[in-house]
């Protein structure tokens, strides 16, 4: 599983790190882990959630509370199969993106 750093997320989302950290505090579904050096590492699920949060806040003009409610609604939706497939496709696309943009 590929995990990404805050810097990777800043580039991917076009959002500053302090905003990403704020979203994490407001949305308990996002749970990055610290690596051995103390850097936050985000799972693909975290990245997908942050992409949805950005969509709700920037594109649909939701409040942070409204974005959280919408995330919970999506996660409990009857369309779990469709959402799972979309999530899988997003994960695959993010894997490809991060592999191609990782510094070695």
C-alpha atoms as a PDB file:
ATOM      1  CA  UNK A   1       0.000   0.000   0.000  1.00  0.00           C
ATOM      2  CA  UNK A   2       1.337   3.397  -0.926  1.00  0.00           C
ATOM      3  CA  UNK A   3       1.206   6.049   1.748  1.00  0.00           C
ATOM      4  CA  UNK A   4       1.856   9.716   1.159  1.00  0.00           C
ATOM      5  CA  UNK A   5       3.207  12.623   3.162  1.00  0.00           C
ATOM      6  CA  UNK A   6       1.703  16.017   3.863  1.00  0.00           C
ATOM      7  CA  UNK A   7       3.943  17.454   1.135  1.00  0.00           C
ATOM      8  CA  UNK A   8       2.555  14.935  -1.363  1.00  0.00           C
ATOM      9  CA  UNK A   9      -0.976  15.947  -0.370  1.00  0.00           C
ATOM     10  CA  UNK A  10      -0.183  19.635  -0.735  1.00  0.00           C
ATOM     11  CA  UNK A  11       0.851  19.012  -4.348  1.00  0.00           C
ATOM     12  CA  UNK A  12      -1.994  16.625  -5.111  1.00  0.00           C
ATOM     13  CA  UNK A  13      -4.780  18.734  -3.605  1.00  0.00           C
ATOM     14  CA  UNK A  14      -3.306  22.195  -4.135  1.00  0.00           C
ATOM     15  CA  UNK A  15      -3.957  22.916  -0.448  1.00  0.00           C
ATOM     16  CA  UNK A  16      -1.465  24.142   2.164  1.00  0.00           C
ATOM     17  CA  UNK A  17      -0.405  21.730   4.896  1.00  0.00           C
ATOM     18  CA  UNK A  18      -1.899  23.762   7.753  1.00  0.00           C
ATOM     19  CA  UNK A  19      -5.317  23.546   6.069  1.00  0.00           C
ATOM     20  CA  UNK A  20      -4.977  19.783   5.662  1.00  0.00           C
ATOM     21  CA  UNK A  21      -4.086  19.499   9.369  1.00  0.00           C
ATOM     22  CA  UNK A  22      -7.165  21.626  10.250  1.00  0.00           C
ATOM     23  CA  UNK A  23      -9.421  19.359   8.189  1.00  0.00           C
ATOM     24  CA  UNK A  24      -7.976  16.344  10.021  1.00  0.00           C
ATOM     25  CA  UNK A  25      -8.885  17.842  13.388  1.00  0.00           C
ATOM     26  CA  UNK A  26     -12.419  18.613  12.214  1.00  0.00           C
ATOM     27  CA  UNK A  27     -13.099  15.291  10.470  1.00  0.00           C
ATOM     28  CA  UNK A  28     -12.311  12.284  12.690  1.00  0.00           C
ATOM     29  CA  UNK A  29     -12.566   9.892   9.735  1.00  0.00           C
ATOM     30  CA  UNK A  30      -9.153  11.143   8.552  1.00  0.00           C
ATOM     31  CA  UNK A  31      -6.486   9.434  10.638  1.00  0.00           C
ATOM     32  CA  UNK A  32      -2.908   9.844   9.401  1.00  0.00           C
ATOM     33  CA  UNK A  33      -0.189   7.920  11.203  1.00  0.00           C
ATOM     34  CA  UNK A  34       3.278   9.157  12.132  1.00  0.00           C
ATOM     35  CA  UNK A  35       6.242   7.308  10.683  1.00  0.00           C
ATOM     36  CA  UNK A  36       9.506   6.597  12.525  1.00  0.00           C
ATOM     37  CA  UNK A  37      10.792  10.088  11.785  1.00  0.00           C
ATOM     38  CA  UNK A  38       7.635  11.827  13.048  1.00  0.00           C
ATOM     39  CA  UNK A  39       6.212  12.703   9.640  1.00  0.00           C
ATOM     40  CA  UNK A  40       2.513  12.196   9.050  1.00  0.00           C
ATOM     41  CA  UNK A  41       1.699   9.489   6.524  1.00  0.00           C
ATOM     42  CA  UNK A  42      -1.709   9.282   4.887  1.00  0.00           C
ATOM     43  CA  UNK A  43      -3.345   6.091   3.682  1.00  0.00           C
ATOM     44  CA  UNK A  44      -5.197   5.967   0.384  1.00  0.00           C
ATOM     45  CA  UNK A  45      -8.458   6.101   2.354  1.00  0.00           C
ATOM     46  CA  UNK A  46      -7.278   9.317   4.043  1.00  0.00           C
ATOM     47  CA  UNK A  47      -6.335  10.796   0.651  1.00  0.00           C
ATOM     48  CA  UNK A  48      -9.714   9.881  -0.808  1.00  0.00           C
ATOM     49  CA  UNK A  49     -11.530  11.431   2.148  1.00  0.00           C
ATOM     50  CA  UNK A  50      -9.464  14.610   1.845  1.00  0.00           C
ATOM     51  CA  UNK A  51     -10.270  14.786  -1.870  1.00  0.00           C
ATOM     52  CA  UNK A  52     -13.982  14.531  -1.042  1.00  0.00           C
ATOM     53  CA  UNK A  53     -13.646  17.199   1.669  1.00  0.00           C
ATOM     54  CA  UNK A  54     -11.970  19.534  -0.807  1.00  0.00           C
ATOM     55  CA  UNK A  55     -14.773  18.868  -3.317  1.00  0.00           C
ATOM     56  CA  UNK A  56     -17.470  19.614  -0.739  1.00  0.00           C
ATOM     57  CA  UNK A  57     -15.775  22.755   0.575  1.00  0.00           C
ATOM     58  CA  UNK A  58     -14.417  24.270  -2.640  1.00  0.00           C
ATOM     59  CA  UNK A  59     -16.737  23.048  -5.369  1.00  0.00           C
ATOM     60  CA  UNK A  60     -20.038  22.621  -3.565  1.00  0.00           C
ATOM     61  CA  UNK A  61     -19.420  25.405  -1.015  1.00  0.00           C
ATOM     62  CA  UNK A  62     -20.358  23.314   2.040  1.00  0.00           C
ATOM     63  CA  UNK A  63     -19.296  24.279   5.545  1.00  0.00           C
ATOM     64  CA  UNK A  64     -16.887  21.900   7.275  1.00  0.00           C
ATOM     65  CA  UNK A  65     -19.850  20.572   9.284  1.00  0.00           C
ATOM     66  CA  UNK A  66     -21.840  20.049   6.104  1.00  0.00           C
ATOM     67  CA  UNK A  67     -18.894  18.236   4.500  1.00  0.00           C
ATOM     68  CA  UNK A  68     -18.652  15.919   7.511  1.00  0.00           C
ATOM     69  CA  UNK A  69     -22.373  15.166   7.356  1.00  0.00           C
ATOM     70  CA  UNK A  70     -22.128  14.445   3.637  1.00  0.00           C
ATOM     71  CA  UNK A  71     -19.169  12.106   4.182  1.00  0.00           C
ATOM     72  CA  UNK A  72     -21.127  10.168   6.797  1.00  0.00           C
ATOM     73  CA  UNK A  73     -24.127  10.066   4.466  1.00  0.00           C
ATOM     74  CA  UNK A  74     -22.011   8.717   1.629  1.00  0.00           C
ATOM     75  CA  UNK A  75     -20.407   6.107   3.850  1.00  0.00           C
ATOM     76  CA  UNK A  76     -23.785   4.835   5.053  1.00  0.00           C
ATOM     77  CA  UNK A  77     -25.423   5.047   1.639  1.00  0.00           C
ATOM     78  CA  UNK A  78     -27.329   2.173   0.068  1.00  0.00           C
ATOM     79  CA  UNK A  79     -24.996   2.549  -2.897  1.00  0.00           C
ATOM     80  CA  UNK A  80     -22.077   0.940  -1.063  1.00  0.00           C
ATOM     81  CA  UNK A  81     -21.194  -1.306  -4.023  1.00  0.00           C
ATOM     82  CA  UNK A  82     -20.940   1.634  -6.408  1.00  0.00           C
ATOM     83  CA  UNK A  83     -19.047   3.708  -3.872  1.00  0.00           C
ATOM     84  CA  UNK A  84     -16.664   0.806  -3.220  1.00  0.00           C
ATOM     85  CA  UNK A  85     -15.922   0.500  -6.929  1.00  0.00           C
ATOM     86  CA  UNK A  86     -15.384   4.248  -7.272  1.00  0.00           C
ATOM     87  CA  UNK A  87     -13.122   4.165  -4.240  1.00  0.00           C
ATOM     88  CA  UNK A  88     -11.141   1.291  -5.730  1.00  0.00           C
ATOM     89  CA  UNK A  89     -10.710   3.159  -9.021  1.00  0.00           C
ATOM     90  CA  UNK A  90      -9.628   6.325  -7.212  1.00  0.00           C
ATOM     91  CA  UNK A  91      -7.137   4.309  -5.193  1.00  0.00           C
ATOM     92  CA  UNK A  92      -5.711   2.777  -8.369  1.00  0.00           C
ATOM     93  CA  UNK A  93      -5.401   6.209  -9.983  1.00  0.00           C
ATOM     94  CA  UNK A  94      -3.744   7.650  -6.883  1.00  0.00           C
ATOM     95  CA  UNK A  95      -1.309   4.719  -6.782  1.00  0.00           C
ATOM     96  CA  UNK A  96      -0.307   5.419 -10.381  1.00  0.00           C
ATOM     97  CA  UNK A  97       0.001   9.155  -9.711  1.00  0.00           C
ATOM     98  CA  UNK A  98       2.129   8.711  -6.594  1.00  0.00           C
ATOM     99  CA  UNK A  99       4.358   6.091  -8.215  1.00  0.00           C
ATOM    100  CA  UNK A 100       5.015   8.446 -11.128  1.00  0.00           C
ATOM    101  CA  UNK A 101       5.643  11.477  -8.902  1.00  0.00           C
ATOM    102  CA  UNK A 102       7.602   9.942  -6.003  1.00  0.00           C
ATOM    103  CA  UNK A 103      11.152  11.153  -5.629  1.00  0.00           C
ATOM    104  CA  UNK A 104      13.657   8.331  -5.419  1.00  0.00           C
END
